[in-house]
Amino acid sequence: MTDPGEITFLTVDDELHICPGCGYALGFQTSFLNSNAVKDNHIKSTREVYRVILICPECGARYDVGWRISFTVPEAKIVKTLAI
């Protein structure tokens, strides 16, 4: 297995489905990188925030287009009922 390449920051204009590195035109795979895993992270948050990384399935190039996501689990709601 090859080591993933460096992540390149990329700006999205109208559409992004072609890899700028190799020209592959059938879209990207995605991965999620914990923002806290990056030493120079300037985002401080009390919740886990992940960077959405696009990966070209042809050449393996990785791109960060600025998308961030949190996988927080909604809190369970407890409903009390009265027995009649």
Protein backbone atom coordinates (compact mmCIF):
# COMPACT_ATOMS: atom_id res chain seq x y z
CA MET A 1 0.00 0.00 0.00
CA THR A 2 1.38 3.40 -0.93
CA ASP A 3 1.67 6.26 1.52
CA PRO A 4 -0.94 8.96 0.82
CA GLY A 5 0.44 12.12 -0.71
CA GLU A 6 0.38 15.55 0.80
CA ILE A 7 -3.03 17.21 0.98
CA THR A 8 -3.42 20.09 -1.50
CA PHE A 9 -5.79 22.95 -0.80
CA LEU A 10 -8.14 23.46 -3.74
CA THR A 11 -10.75 26.11 -4.55
CA VAL A 12 -14.07 24.93 -5.99
CA ASP A 13 -15.54 27.11 -8.72
CA ASP A 14 -18.79 25.90 -10.31
CA GLU A 15 -18.11 22.18 -10.18
CA LEU A 16 -15.37 19.80 -9.11
CA HIS A 17 -15.27 16.31 -10.56
CA ILE A 18 -12.03 16.28 -12.55
CA CYS A 19 -8.75 15.63 -10.74
CA PRO A 20 -6.36 18.53 -11.39
CA GLY A 21 -3.44 16.13 -10.96
CA CYS A 22 -4.20 13.44 -13.53
CA GLY A 23 -7.40 14.48 -15.33
CA TYR A 24 -9.53 11.58 -14.01
CA ALA A 25 -13.10 12.74 -14.70
CA LEU A 26 -15.37 10.38 -12.75
CA GLY A 27 -15.35 12.12 -9.36
CA PHE A 28 -13.64 11.55 -6.05
CA GLN A 29 -13.68 9.28 -3.04
CA THR A 30 -13.88 10.91 0.38
CA SER A 31 -12.13 10.51 3.69
CA PHE A 32 -12.43 12.32 6.99
CA LEU A 33 -9.39 13.66 8.83
CA ASN A 34 -9.77 14.70 12.44
CA SER A 35 -8.86 18.40 12.65
CA ASN A 36 -7.23 17.75 16.02
CA ALA A 37 -4.77 15.39 14.28
CA VAL A 38 -3.11 18.35 12.56
CA LYS A 39 -0.40 20.06 14.62
CA ASP A 40 -0.88 23.51 13.09
CA ASN A 41 -4.66 23.42 13.55
CA HIS A 42 -6.04 26.90 14.16
CA ILE A 43 -9.61 25.68 14.75
CA LYS A 44 -10.40 25.33 18.44
CA SER A 45 -13.64 23.57 19.26
CA THR A 46 -15.21 21.59 22.06
CA ARG A 47 -16.55 19.05 19.56
CA GLU A 48 -14.77 16.77 17.15
CA VAL A 49 -14.48 18.46 13.76
CA TYR A 50 -13.29 16.59 10.69
CA ARG A 51 -11.86 17.86 7.42
CA VAL A 52 -13.51 16.29 4.35
CA ILE A 53 -10.68 15.17 2.08
CA LEU A 54 -11.32 14.33 -1.58
CA ILE A 55 -9.19 11.50 -2.98
CA CYS A 56 -8.69 10.78 -6.66
CA PRO A 57 -9.28 7.05 -7.21
CA GLU A 58 -6.92 7.07 -10.21
CA CYS A 59 -3.76 8.76 -8.93
CA GLY A 60 -4.43 9.00 -5.17
CA ALA A 61 -4.02 12.79 -5.01
CA ARG A 62 -5.72 14.28 -1.92
CA TYR A 63 -7.52 17.62 -1.86
CA ASP A 64 -8.95 19.81 0.90
CA VAL A 65 -11.66 22.15 -0.43
CA GLY A 66 -12.50 23.63 2.97
CA TRP A 67 -15.44 21.43 3.93
CA ARG A 68 -15.73 20.61 7.64
CA ILE A 69 -18.14 18.21 9.34
CA SER A 70 -18.98 17.10 12.86
CA PHE A 71 -20.26 13.62 13.60
CA THR A 72 -21.89 14.49 16.91
CA VAL A 73 -24.54 12.07 18.09
CA PRO A 74 -27.85 13.74 18.90
CA GLU A 75 -28.65 13.47 22.57
CA ALA A 76 -31.30 10.92 23.42
CA LYS A 77 -34.49 12.45 24.70
CA ILE A 78 -36.10 10.87 27.73
CA VAL A 79 -39.85 11.16 27.92
CA LYS A 80 -41.49 10.59 31.29
CA THR A 81 -44.95 9.11 31.24
CA LEU A 82 -47.47 8.76 34.02
CA ALA A 83 -49.13 5.42 34.67
CA ILE A 84 -52.91 5.78 34.84
